[in-house]
N, C-alpha and C. Protein backbone atom coordinates (compact mmCIF):
# COMPACT_ATOMS: atom_id res chain seq x y z
N UNK A 1 -207.80 -109.38 -51.27
CA UNK A 1 -207.17 -110.17 -52.32
C UNK A 1 -205.68 -109.89 -52.42
N UNK A 2 -205.24 -108.68 -52.05
CA UNK A 2 -203.82 -108.35 -52.17
C UNK A 2 -202.98 -109.18 -51.21
N UNK A 3 -203.50 -109.51 -50.04
CA UNK A 3 -202.76 -110.36 -49.09
C UNK A 3 -202.53 -111.74 -49.70
N UNK A 4 -203.55 -112.25 -50.38
CA UNK A 4 -203.43 -113.55 -51.03
C UNK A 4 -202.36 -113.51 -52.12
N UNK A 5 -202.43 -112.48 -52.98
CA UNK A 5 -201.48 -112.38 -54.10
C UNK A 5 -200.05 -112.14 -53.62
N UNK A 6 -199.89 -111.24 -52.65
CA UNK A 6 -198.56 -110.95 -52.12
C UNK A 6 -197.93 -112.18 -51.48
N UNK A 7 -198.68 -112.83 -50.60
CA UNK A 7 -198.12 -113.99 -49.93
C UNK A 7 -197.91 -115.15 -50.89
N UNK A 8 -198.78 -115.31 -51.89
CA UNK A 8 -198.57 -116.36 -52.90
C UNK A 8 -197.26 -116.14 -53.64
N UNK A 9 -197.03 -114.91 -54.09
CA UNK A 9 -195.82 -114.61 -54.86
C UNK A 9 -194.57 -114.76 -54.01
N UNK A 10 -194.58 -114.20 -52.81
CA UNK A 10 -193.40 -114.26 -51.96
C UNK A 10 -193.06 -115.69 -51.54
N UNK A 11 -194.05 -116.45 -51.19
CA UNK A 11 -193.79 -117.82 -50.74
C UNK A 11 -193.39 -118.70 -51.92
N UNK A 12 -193.97 -118.46 -53.09
CA UNK A 12 -193.55 -119.21 -54.28
C UNK A 12 -192.06 -119.00 -54.52
N UNK A 13 -191.62 -117.74 -54.47
CA UNK A 13 -190.21 -117.43 -54.68
C UNK A 13 -189.35 -118.04 -53.57
N UNK A 14 -189.82 -117.93 -52.33
CA UNK A 14 -189.05 -118.46 -51.20
C UNK A 14 -188.88 -119.96 -51.29
N UNK A 15 -189.84 -120.64 -51.84
CA UNK A 15 -189.80 -122.10 -51.91
C UNK A 15 -188.88 -122.61 -53.01
N UNK A 16 -188.59 -121.78 -54.00
CA UNK A 16 -187.74 -122.22 -55.10
C UNK A 16 -186.35 -122.60 -54.59
N UNK A 17 -185.96 -123.83 -54.83
CA UNK A 17 -184.66 -124.33 -54.41
C UNK A 17 -184.55 -124.64 -52.93
N UNK A 18 -185.67 -124.61 -52.22
CA UNK A 18 -185.68 -124.86 -50.79
C UNK A 18 -185.63 -126.36 -50.48
N UNK A 19 -185.23 -126.69 -49.27
CA UNK A 19 -185.14 -128.09 -48.86
C UNK A 19 -186.48 -128.81 -49.00
N UNK A 20 -187.55 -128.17 -48.60
CA UNK A 20 -188.84 -128.84 -48.69
C UNK A 20 -189.25 -129.06 -50.15
N UNK A 21 -188.79 -128.20 -51.06
CA UNK A 21 -189.05 -128.44 -52.48
C UNK A 21 -188.26 -129.66 -52.94
N UNK A 22 -187.06 -129.81 -52.42
CA UNK A 22 -186.29 -131.01 -52.73
C UNK A 22 -186.98 -132.27 -52.19
N UNK A 23 -187.61 -132.13 -51.03
CA UNK A 23 -188.37 -133.25 -50.46
C UNK A 23 -189.51 -133.63 -51.40
N UNK A 24 -190.25 -132.62 -51.90
CA UNK A 24 -191.35 -132.89 -52.83
C UNK A 24 -190.83 -133.53 -54.11
N UNK A 25 -189.71 -133.04 -54.62
CA UNK A 25 -189.10 -133.62 -55.82
C UNK A 25 -188.72 -135.08 -55.58
N UNK A 26 -188.11 -135.34 -54.45
CA UNK A 26 -187.69 -136.70 -54.12
C UNK A 26 -188.89 -137.64 -54.04
N UNK A 27 -189.95 -137.19 -53.34
CA UNK A 27 -191.14 -138.03 -53.22
C UNK A 27 -191.80 -138.28 -54.58
N UNK A 28 -191.72 -137.30 -55.47
CA UNK A 28 -192.34 -137.45 -56.80
C UNK A 28 -191.67 -138.56 -57.60
N UNK A 29 -190.44 -138.87 -57.27
CA UNK A 29 -189.76 -139.97 -57.96
C UNK A 29 -190.15 -141.32 -57.38
N UNK A 30 -190.89 -141.33 -56.26
CA UNK A 30 -191.23 -142.58 -55.59
C UNK A 30 -192.72 -142.86 -55.46
N UNK A 31 -193.54 -141.79 -55.39
CA UNK A 31 -194.98 -141.94 -55.18
C UNK A 31 -195.75 -141.27 -56.31
N UNK A 32 -197.04 -141.56 -56.36
CA UNK A 32 -197.90 -140.90 -57.35
C UNK A 32 -197.97 -139.41 -57.07
N UNK A 33 -198.04 -138.62 -58.15
CA UNK A 33 -198.00 -137.17 -58.02
C UNK A 33 -199.11 -136.63 -57.13
N UNK A 34 -200.31 -137.19 -57.21
CA UNK A 34 -201.43 -136.68 -56.42
C UNK A 34 -201.26 -137.00 -54.94
N UNK A 35 -200.58 -138.06 -54.60
CA UNK A 35 -200.31 -138.36 -53.20
C UNK A 35 -199.31 -137.34 -52.65
N UNK A 36 -198.29 -137.04 -53.44
CA UNK A 36 -197.29 -136.06 -53.01
C UNK A 36 -197.93 -134.69 -52.82
N UNK A 37 -198.69 -134.23 -53.80
CA UNK A 37 -199.32 -132.91 -53.67
C UNK A 37 -200.35 -132.87 -52.54
N UNK A 38 -201.05 -133.96 -52.30
CA UNK A 38 -202.01 -134.00 -51.19
C UNK A 38 -201.29 -133.89 -49.85
N UNK A 39 -200.20 -134.63 -49.70
CA UNK A 39 -199.42 -134.56 -48.47
C UNK A 39 -198.81 -133.19 -48.25
N UNK A 40 -198.27 -132.61 -49.32
CA UNK A 40 -197.69 -131.26 -49.25
C UNK A 40 -198.77 -130.25 -48.85
N UNK A 41 -199.94 -130.35 -49.45
CA UNK A 41 -201.03 -129.41 -49.15
C UNK A 41 -201.49 -129.52 -47.70
N UNK A 42 -201.69 -130.74 -47.22
CA UNK A 42 -202.14 -130.94 -45.84
C UNK A 42 -201.11 -130.38 -44.85
N UNK A 43 -199.86 -130.70 -45.06
CA UNK A 43 -198.81 -130.22 -44.15
C UNK A 43 -198.70 -128.70 -44.20
N UNK A 44 -198.77 -128.13 -45.39
CA UNK A 44 -198.62 -126.69 -45.55
C UNK A 44 -199.78 -125.93 -44.91
N UNK A 45 -200.99 -126.44 -45.06
CA UNK A 45 -202.14 -125.79 -44.43
C UNK A 45 -201.95 -125.68 -42.92
N UNK A 46 -201.43 -126.73 -42.31
CA UNK A 46 -201.24 -126.73 -40.86
C UNK A 46 -200.08 -125.82 -40.45
N UNK A 47 -198.93 -125.96 -41.10
CA UNK A 47 -197.76 -125.16 -40.73
C UNK A 47 -198.02 -123.68 -40.94
N UNK A 48 -198.63 -123.32 -42.06
CA UNK A 48 -198.83 -121.91 -42.36
C UNK A 48 -199.95 -121.29 -41.53
N UNK A 49 -200.92 -122.07 -41.09
CA UNK A 49 -201.92 -121.53 -40.17
C UNK A 49 -201.25 -121.14 -38.86
N UNK A 50 -200.37 -122.00 -38.36
CA UNK A 50 -199.61 -121.66 -37.16
C UNK A 50 -198.71 -120.45 -37.37
N UNK A 51 -198.10 -120.35 -38.54
CA UNK A 51 -197.22 -119.23 -38.86
C UNK A 51 -197.99 -117.91 -38.88
N UNK A 52 -199.18 -117.94 -39.45
CA UNK A 52 -200.02 -116.73 -39.49
C UNK A 52 -200.42 -116.33 -38.07
N UNK A 53 -200.75 -117.31 -37.24
CA UNK A 53 -201.10 -117.02 -35.85
C UNK A 53 -199.95 -116.34 -35.11
N UNK A 54 -198.75 -116.84 -35.29
CA UNK A 54 -197.58 -116.23 -34.66
C UNK A 54 -197.39 -114.80 -35.17
N UNK A 55 -197.52 -114.62 -36.47
CA UNK A 55 -197.36 -113.29 -37.06
C UNK A 55 -198.39 -112.30 -36.55
N UNK A 56 -199.62 -112.75 -36.36
CA UNK A 56 -200.67 -111.85 -35.87
C UNK A 56 -200.40 -111.44 -34.43
N UNK A 57 -199.89 -112.35 -33.60
CA UNK A 57 -199.58 -112.02 -32.22
C UNK A 57 -198.46 -110.98 -32.16
N UNK A 58 -197.44 -111.18 -32.96
CA UNK A 58 -196.31 -110.24 -33.00
C UNK A 58 -196.77 -108.86 -33.45
N UNK A 59 -197.69 -108.83 -34.42
CA UNK A 59 -198.16 -107.57 -34.98
C UNK A 59 -198.82 -106.69 -33.92
N UNK A 60 -199.53 -107.28 -32.99
CA UNK A 60 -200.22 -106.50 -31.97
C UNK A 60 -199.29 -105.90 -30.93
N UNK A 61 -198.05 -106.39 -30.86
CA UNK A 61 -197.11 -105.97 -29.84
C UNK A 61 -196.05 -105.01 -30.38
N UNK A 62 -195.65 -105.21 -31.62
CA UNK A 62 -194.54 -104.47 -32.22
C UNK A 62 -195.09 -103.35 -33.10
N UNK A 63 -194.56 -102.11 -32.98
CA UNK A 63 -195.02 -101.01 -33.85
C UNK A 63 -194.79 -101.34 -35.33
N UNK A 64 -195.65 -100.79 -36.18
CA UNK A 64 -195.64 -101.11 -37.61
C UNK A 64 -194.30 -100.82 -38.28
N UNK A 65 -193.70 -99.66 -38.02
CA UNK A 65 -192.43 -99.30 -38.67
C UNK A 65 -191.32 -100.27 -38.27
N UNK A 66 -191.28 -100.63 -37.00
CA UNK A 66 -190.26 -101.58 -36.53
C UNK A 66 -190.48 -102.94 -37.18
N UNK A 67 -191.73 -103.35 -37.27
CA UNK A 67 -192.05 -104.64 -37.88
C UNK A 67 -191.66 -104.65 -39.36
N UNK A 68 -191.92 -103.54 -40.07
CA UNK A 68 -191.56 -103.48 -41.49
C UNK A 68 -190.04 -103.57 -41.70
N UNK A 69 -189.28 -102.90 -40.84
CA UNK A 69 -187.82 -103.00 -40.94
C UNK A 69 -187.38 -104.44 -40.65
N UNK A 70 -187.97 -105.05 -39.63
CA UNK A 70 -187.62 -106.44 -39.30
C UNK A 70 -187.97 -107.38 -40.45
N UNK A 71 -189.13 -107.17 -41.06
CA UNK A 71 -189.53 -108.00 -42.19
C UNK A 71 -188.56 -107.80 -43.35
N UNK A 72 -188.22 -106.55 -43.65
CA UNK A 72 -187.26 -106.27 -44.73
C UNK A 72 -185.92 -106.92 -44.47
N UNK A 73 -185.44 -106.82 -43.24
CA UNK A 73 -184.17 -107.47 -42.89
C UNK A 73 -184.28 -108.99 -43.00
N UNK A 74 -185.44 -109.52 -42.63
CA UNK A 74 -185.61 -110.98 -42.74
C UNK A 74 -185.55 -111.41 -44.20
N UNK A 75 -186.04 -110.57 -45.11
CA UNK A 75 -185.95 -110.91 -46.54
C UNK A 75 -184.49 -110.94 -46.99
N UNK A 76 -183.65 -110.05 -46.42
CA UNK A 76 -182.21 -110.13 -46.72
C UNK A 76 -181.65 -111.45 -46.22
N UNK A 77 -182.13 -111.88 -45.06
CA UNK A 77 -181.71 -113.18 -44.53
C UNK A 77 -182.16 -114.31 -45.44
N UNK A 78 -183.36 -114.19 -45.99
CA UNK A 78 -183.86 -115.23 -46.91
C UNK A 78 -183.02 -115.24 -48.19
N UNK A 79 -182.56 -114.05 -48.61
CA UNK A 79 -181.70 -113.98 -49.80
C UNK A 79 -180.40 -114.75 -49.54
N UNK A 80 -179.81 -114.51 -48.38
CA UNK A 80 -178.59 -115.24 -48.02
C UNK A 80 -178.86 -116.73 -47.97
N UNK A 81 -179.97 -117.11 -47.36
CA UNK A 81 -180.35 -118.51 -47.24
C UNK A 81 -180.52 -119.14 -48.62
N UNK A 82 -181.10 -118.40 -49.54
CA UNK A 82 -181.29 -118.90 -50.90
C UNK A 82 -179.95 -119.15 -51.59
N UNK A 83 -178.98 -118.28 -51.35
CA UNK A 83 -177.66 -118.47 -51.94
C UNK A 83 -176.89 -119.61 -51.27
N UNK A 84 -177.08 -119.74 -49.97
CA UNK A 84 -176.41 -120.79 -49.21
C UNK A 84 -176.93 -122.16 -49.62
N UNK A 85 -178.25 -122.25 -49.85
CA UNK A 85 -178.86 -123.50 -50.27
C UNK A 85 -179.21 -124.40 -49.11
N UNK A 86 -179.99 -125.41 -49.42
CA UNK A 86 -180.41 -126.42 -48.46
C UNK A 86 -179.98 -127.78 -48.97
N UNK A 87 -179.83 -128.70 -48.06
CA UNK A 87 -179.50 -130.07 -48.44
C UNK A 87 -180.38 -131.02 -47.66
N UNK A 88 -180.58 -132.19 -48.21
CA UNK A 88 -181.29 -133.24 -47.50
C UNK A 88 -180.30 -133.92 -46.58
N UNK A 89 -180.69 -134.15 -45.32
CA UNK A 89 -179.79 -134.81 -44.40
C UNK A 89 -180.36 -136.13 -43.90
N UNK A 90 -179.63 -136.81 -43.04
CA UNK A 90 -180.06 -138.12 -42.55
C UNK A 90 -181.37 -138.05 -41.79
N UNK A 91 -181.65 -136.95 -41.09
CA UNK A 91 -182.91 -136.83 -40.36
C UNK A 91 -184.09 -136.84 -41.31
N UNK A 92 -183.94 -136.21 -42.48
CA UNK A 92 -185.01 -136.21 -43.47
C UNK A 92 -185.29 -137.62 -43.98
N UNK A 93 -184.26 -138.37 -44.28
CA UNK A 93 -184.47 -139.71 -44.82
C UNK A 93 -185.04 -140.64 -43.77
N UNK A 94 -184.70 -140.43 -42.49
CA UNK A 94 -185.25 -141.28 -41.44
C UNK A 94 -186.75 -141.08 -41.31
N UNK A 95 -187.21 -139.84 -41.47
CA UNK A 95 -188.64 -139.54 -41.36
C UNK A 95 -189.42 -140.26 -42.45
N UNK A 96 -188.86 -140.38 -43.63
CA UNK A 96 -189.57 -140.97 -44.76
C UNK A 96 -189.88 -142.45 -44.56
N UNK A 97 -189.20 -143.11 -43.63
CA UNK A 97 -189.42 -144.54 -43.43
C UNK A 97 -190.55 -144.83 -42.46
N UNK A 98 -191.13 -143.81 -41.83
CA UNK A 98 -192.18 -143.99 -40.84
C UNK A 98 -193.51 -144.25 -41.55
N UNK A 99 -194.07 -145.46 -41.41
CA UNK A 99 -195.35 -145.74 -42.08
C UNK A 99 -196.54 -145.22 -41.27
N UNK A 100 -197.05 -144.06 -41.62
CA UNK A 100 -198.20 -143.46 -40.96
C UNK A 100 -199.20 -143.08 -42.05
N UNK A 101 -200.33 -143.75 -42.08
CA UNK A 101 -201.34 -143.51 -43.10
C UNK A 101 -200.80 -143.78 -44.51
N UNK A 102 -199.90 -144.72 -44.62
CA UNK A 102 -199.35 -145.08 -45.93
C UNK A 102 -198.47 -143.99 -46.50
N UNK A 103 -198.37 -143.96 -47.82
CA UNK A 103 -197.48 -143.01 -48.49
C UNK A 103 -197.94 -141.56 -48.26
N UNK A 104 -199.24 -141.31 -48.17
CA UNK A 104 -199.73 -139.96 -47.88
C UNK A 104 -199.18 -139.49 -46.53
N UNK A 105 -199.25 -140.33 -45.53
CA UNK A 105 -198.75 -139.97 -44.20
C UNK A 105 -197.26 -139.73 -44.19
N UNK A 106 -196.52 -140.55 -44.92
CA UNK A 106 -195.07 -140.37 -45.00
C UNK A 106 -194.75 -139.02 -45.61
N UNK A 107 -195.41 -138.68 -46.71
CA UNK A 107 -195.17 -137.39 -47.38
C UNK A 107 -195.58 -136.24 -46.46
N UNK A 108 -196.77 -136.31 -45.87
CA UNK A 108 -197.26 -135.21 -45.03
C UNK A 108 -196.37 -134.98 -43.82
N UNK A 109 -195.98 -136.05 -43.12
CA UNK A 109 -195.13 -135.90 -41.94
C UNK A 109 -193.75 -135.37 -42.33
N UNK A 110 -193.15 -135.92 -43.36
CA UNK A 110 -191.83 -135.47 -43.79
C UNK A 110 -191.88 -134.01 -44.22
N UNK A 111 -192.91 -133.63 -44.97
CA UNK A 111 -193.00 -132.25 -45.44
C UNK A 111 -193.25 -131.31 -44.27
N UNK A 112 -194.13 -131.70 -43.35
CA UNK A 112 -194.40 -130.90 -42.16
C UNK A 112 -193.10 -130.62 -41.41
N UNK A 113 -192.33 -131.66 -41.15
CA UNK A 113 -191.08 -131.51 -40.41
C UNK A 113 -190.05 -130.68 -41.17
N UNK A 114 -190.03 -130.83 -42.50
CA UNK A 114 -189.06 -130.06 -43.28
C UNK A 114 -189.41 -128.58 -43.31
N UNK A 115 -190.66 -128.23 -43.05
CA UNK A 115 -191.10 -126.84 -43.06
C UNK A 115 -190.89 -126.13 -41.74
N UNK A 116 -190.76 -126.85 -40.65
CA UNK A 116 -190.62 -126.20 -39.35
C UNK A 116 -189.33 -125.40 -39.30
N UNK A 117 -189.45 -124.10 -39.04
CA UNK A 117 -188.30 -123.22 -38.98
C UNK A 117 -187.70 -122.89 -40.33
N UNK A 118 -188.37 -123.28 -41.41
CA UNK A 118 -187.87 -123.06 -42.76
C UNK A 118 -188.13 -121.61 -43.16
N UNK A 119 -187.42 -121.15 -44.20
CA UNK A 119 -187.56 -119.75 -44.61
C UNK A 119 -188.97 -119.42 -45.06
N UNK A 120 -189.70 -120.37 -45.65
CA UNK A 120 -191.07 -120.08 -46.07
C UNK A 120 -191.99 -119.94 -44.87
N UNK A 121 -191.74 -120.69 -43.82
CA UNK A 121 -192.53 -120.52 -42.61
C UNK A 121 -192.25 -119.16 -41.99
N UNK A 122 -190.98 -118.79 -41.92
CA UNK A 122 -190.61 -117.50 -41.35
C UNK A 122 -191.12 -116.34 -42.21
N UNK A 123 -191.11 -116.53 -43.53
CA UNK A 123 -191.65 -115.49 -44.41
C UNK A 123 -193.15 -115.32 -44.18
N UNK A 124 -193.86 -116.41 -43.96
CA UNK A 124 -195.30 -116.34 -43.68
C UNK A 124 -195.54 -115.60 -42.37
N UNK A 125 -194.74 -115.88 -41.34
CA UNK A 125 -194.85 -115.17 -40.07
C UNK A 125 -194.64 -113.67 -40.31
N UNK A 126 -193.64 -113.32 -41.11
CA UNK A 126 -193.34 -111.92 -41.39
C UNK A 126 -194.48 -111.22 -42.12
N UNK A 127 -195.00 -111.87 -43.14
CA UNK A 127 -196.08 -111.26 -43.92
C UNK A 127 -197.33 -111.09 -43.05
N UNK A 128 -197.66 -112.11 -42.28
CA UNK A 128 -198.85 -112.05 -41.43
C UNK A 128 -198.73 -110.98 -40.36
N UNK A 129 -197.50 -110.66 -39.99
CA UNK A 129 -197.28 -109.65 -38.96
C UNK A 129 -197.65 -108.25 -39.37
N UNK A 130 -197.70 -107.99 -40.67
CA UNK A 130 -198.05 -106.63 -41.09
C UNK A 130 -199.21 -106.57 -42.07
N UNK A 131 -199.87 -107.67 -42.30
CA UNK A 131 -201.02 -107.66 -43.20
C UNK A 131 -202.26 -108.08 -42.41
N UNK A 132 -203.31 -107.25 -42.39
CA UNK A 132 -204.48 -107.55 -41.56
C UNK A 132 -205.32 -108.74 -42.04
N UNK A 133 -205.15 -109.17 -43.27
CA UNK A 133 -205.96 -110.27 -43.80
C UNK A 133 -205.28 -111.61 -43.54
N UNK A 134 -205.47 -112.16 -42.33
CA UNK A 134 -204.78 -113.40 -41.98
C UNK A 134 -205.23 -114.56 -42.85
N UNK A 135 -206.50 -114.58 -43.25
CA UNK A 135 -206.98 -115.66 -44.12
C UNK A 135 -206.32 -115.57 -45.49
N UNK A 136 -206.21 -114.36 -46.02
CA UNK A 136 -205.54 -114.17 -47.31
C UNK A 136 -204.08 -114.58 -47.27
N UNK A 137 -203.40 -114.22 -46.17
CA UNK A 137 -202.00 -114.60 -46.02
C UNK A 137 -201.88 -116.12 -45.90
N UNK A 138 -202.72 -116.73 -45.09
CA UNK A 138 -202.68 -118.18 -44.88
C UNK A 138 -202.93 -118.93 -46.19
N UNK A 139 -204.04 -118.58 -46.86
CA UNK A 139 -204.36 -119.29 -48.11
C UNK A 139 -203.38 -118.94 -49.23
N UNK A 140 -202.94 -117.70 -49.27
CA UNK A 140 -201.97 -117.29 -50.29
C UNK A 140 -200.63 -117.98 -50.11
N UNK A 141 -200.15 -118.03 -48.87
CA UNK A 141 -198.86 -118.69 -48.62
C UNK A 141 -198.96 -120.18 -48.90
N UNK A 142 -200.11 -120.76 -48.57
CA UNK A 142 -200.31 -122.18 -48.87
C UNK A 142 -200.34 -122.41 -50.38
N UNK A 143 -201.05 -121.55 -51.10
CA UNK A 143 -201.11 -121.67 -52.56
C UNK A 143 -199.72 -121.52 -53.18
N UNK A 144 -198.98 -120.51 -52.74
CA UNK A 144 -197.63 -120.30 -53.27
C UNK A 144 -196.72 -121.48 -53.02
N UNK A 145 -196.82 -122.06 -51.83
CA UNK A 145 -196.01 -123.22 -51.47
C UNK A 145 -196.38 -124.43 -52.33
N UNK A 146 -197.65 -124.72 -52.43
CA UNK A 146 -198.10 -125.88 -53.21
C UNK A 146 -197.78 -125.69 -54.69
N UNK A 147 -197.92 -124.47 -55.20
CA UNK A 147 -197.60 -124.21 -56.61
C UNK A 147 -196.11 -124.45 -56.88
N UNK A 148 -195.26 -123.95 -56.00
CA UNK A 148 -193.81 -124.16 -56.17
C UNK A 148 -193.46 -125.64 -56.06
N UNK A 149 -194.10 -126.32 -55.14
CA UNK A 149 -193.82 -127.75 -54.98
C UNK A 149 -194.43 -128.57 -56.11
N UNK A 150 -195.49 -128.07 -56.72
CA UNK A 150 -196.04 -128.75 -57.91
C UNK A 150 -195.03 -128.71 -59.05
N UNK A 151 -194.29 -127.60 -59.14
CA UNK A 151 -193.22 -127.52 -60.14
C UNK A 151 -192.18 -128.60 -59.86
N UNK A 152 -191.80 -128.75 -58.59
CA UNK A 152 -190.83 -129.78 -58.23
C UNK A 152 -191.35 -131.18 -58.53
N UNK A 153 -192.62 -131.39 -58.26
CA UNK A 153 -193.22 -132.70 -58.55
C UNK A 153 -193.19 -132.96 -60.06
N UNK A 154 -193.54 -131.95 -60.85
CA UNK A 154 -193.51 -132.11 -62.31
C UNK A 154 -192.09 -132.42 -62.80
N UNK A 155 -191.14 -131.69 -62.26
CA UNK A 155 -189.74 -131.94 -62.63
C UNK A 155 -189.33 -133.35 -62.21
N UNK A 156 -189.73 -133.74 -61.01
CA UNK A 156 -189.41 -135.08 -60.54
C UNK A 156 -190.01 -136.16 -61.42
N UNK A 157 -191.22 -135.93 -61.90
CA UNK A 157 -191.87 -136.90 -62.77
C UNK A 157 -191.25 -136.94 -64.16
N UNK A 158 -190.97 -135.76 -64.71
CA UNK A 158 -190.47 -135.69 -66.08
C UNK A 158 -188.97 -135.94 -66.20
N UNK A 159 -188.21 -135.29 -65.39
CA UNK A 159 -186.76 -135.35 -65.54
C UNK A 159 -186.11 -136.43 -64.68
N UNK A 160 -186.62 -136.57 -63.48
CA UNK A 160 -186.05 -137.52 -62.52
C UNK A 160 -184.56 -137.31 -62.35
N UNK A 161 -184.17 -136.06 -62.37
CA UNK A 161 -182.77 -135.72 -62.09
C UNK A 161 -182.73 -134.41 -61.34
N UNK A 162 -181.58 -133.97 -60.97
CA UNK A 162 -181.38 -132.83 -60.09
C UNK A 162 -181.74 -131.50 -60.75
N UNK A 163 -182.38 -130.63 -59.97
CA UNK A 163 -182.70 -129.26 -60.40
C UNK A 163 -181.43 -128.41 -60.42
N UNK A 164 -181.37 -127.39 -61.26
CA UNK A 164 -180.25 -126.45 -61.19
C UNK A 164 -180.45 -125.50 -60.00
N UNK A 165 -180.27 -126.04 -58.79
CA UNK A 165 -180.62 -125.30 -57.58
C UNK A 165 -179.80 -124.04 -57.37
N UNK A 166 -178.57 -124.03 -57.81
CA UNK A 166 -177.74 -122.84 -57.60
C UNK A 166 -178.32 -121.64 -58.35
N UNK A 167 -178.71 -121.83 -59.60
CA UNK A 167 -179.28 -120.73 -60.39
C UNK A 167 -180.63 -120.29 -59.80
N UNK A 168 -181.46 -121.24 -59.41
CA UNK A 168 -182.76 -120.90 -58.81
C UNK A 168 -182.53 -120.13 -57.52
N UNK A 169 -181.57 -120.56 -56.72
CA UNK A 169 -181.26 -119.85 -55.49
C UNK A 169 -180.79 -118.44 -55.73
N UNK A 170 -180.02 -118.23 -56.80
CA UNK A 170 -179.54 -116.88 -57.13
C UNK A 170 -180.70 -115.97 -57.53
N UNK A 171 -181.61 -116.48 -58.33
CA UNK A 171 -182.78 -115.70 -58.74
C UNK A 171 -183.64 -115.35 -57.53
N UNK A 172 -183.87 -116.34 -56.68
CA UNK A 172 -184.66 -116.11 -55.46
C UNK A 172 -183.99 -115.06 -54.58
N UNK A 173 -182.66 -115.12 -54.46
CA UNK A 173 -181.93 -114.17 -53.63
C UNK A 173 -182.11 -112.74 -54.15
N UNK A 174 -182.01 -112.54 -55.45
CA UNK A 174 -182.20 -111.21 -56.04
C UNK A 174 -183.60 -110.69 -55.74
N UNK A 175 -184.60 -111.54 -55.90
CA UNK A 175 -185.97 -111.13 -55.63
C UNK A 175 -186.18 -110.80 -54.14
N UNK A 176 -185.57 -111.59 -53.25
CA UNK A 176 -185.68 -111.30 -51.83
C UNK A 176 -185.02 -109.98 -51.46
N UNK A 177 -183.88 -109.68 -52.04
CA UNK A 177 -183.22 -108.40 -51.77
C UNK A 177 -184.12 -107.25 -52.23
N UNK A 178 -184.73 -107.40 -53.39
CA UNK A 178 -185.65 -106.36 -53.89
C UNK A 178 -186.84 -106.19 -52.96
N UNK A 179 -187.46 -107.30 -52.56
CA UNK A 179 -188.62 -107.22 -51.64
C UNK A 179 -188.19 -106.65 -50.29
N UNK A 180 -187.02 -107.04 -49.82
CA UNK A 180 -186.52 -106.53 -48.54
C UNK A 180 -186.30 -105.02 -48.58
N UNK A 181 -185.66 -104.54 -49.65
CA UNK A 181 -185.40 -103.11 -49.79
C UNK A 181 -186.72 -102.32 -49.86
N UNK A 182 -187.66 -102.83 -50.64
CA UNK A 182 -188.96 -102.15 -50.75
C UNK A 182 -189.70 -102.13 -49.42
N UNK A 183 -189.63 -103.21 -48.67
CA UNK A 183 -190.32 -103.28 -47.37
C UNK A 183 -189.70 -102.31 -46.38
N UNK A 184 -188.37 -102.27 -46.32
CA UNK A 184 -187.71 -101.33 -45.41
C UNK A 184 -188.03 -99.89 -45.81
N UNK A 185 -188.00 -99.60 -47.11
CA UNK A 185 -188.32 -98.25 -47.57
C UNK A 185 -189.74 -97.86 -47.17
N UNK A 186 -190.67 -98.81 -47.21
CA UNK A 186 -192.07 -98.52 -46.85
C UNK A 186 -192.22 -98.16 -45.37
N UNK A 187 -191.27 -98.57 -44.53
CA UNK A 187 -191.34 -98.23 -43.11
C UNK A 187 -191.08 -96.76 -42.87
N UNK A 188 -190.41 -96.10 -43.81
CA UNK A 188 -190.04 -94.70 -43.64
C UNK A 188 -190.86 -93.77 -44.50
N UNK A 189 -191.88 -94.27 -45.16
CA UNK A 189 -192.73 -93.43 -46.02
C UNK A 189 -193.94 -92.97 -45.29
């Protein structure tokens, strides 16, 4: 259960203010909330299953202490990424026009593509690399992602205006620095 809780919390924080959360917010202003959350969930299940697989392969090759330092350093990178912020670009808007399985397909494909190489995907790879419960990491990271994006969907439905992304990014950065420091310290204990 700890793998589920840890990955849920970390991925929830990582997703705050992320580009894919902006994608979910944007779709919530155009489609029904349940279509957006269904597309987000389907895409996340697939992306994070692959991420866990990559993490498990790395874990078998890299010593635990080295992996923990790498994971801790990656959290510092996520902190920087959170402060830098994400933006929607022309490639994102082009994907949204592809009619595949209706609005569900548009949301799922756009969200899938926005997650590839994203900090939440990389965080899932990192967590899976040092936690033996791959199912807990997979389901926890998926839950954390969908929960964070549900917040974006709610905001998109209620406010229909821009999130205070800079403040959210700052909070996420502080939490990532704390998680990074704790992870690196655990490599030497």
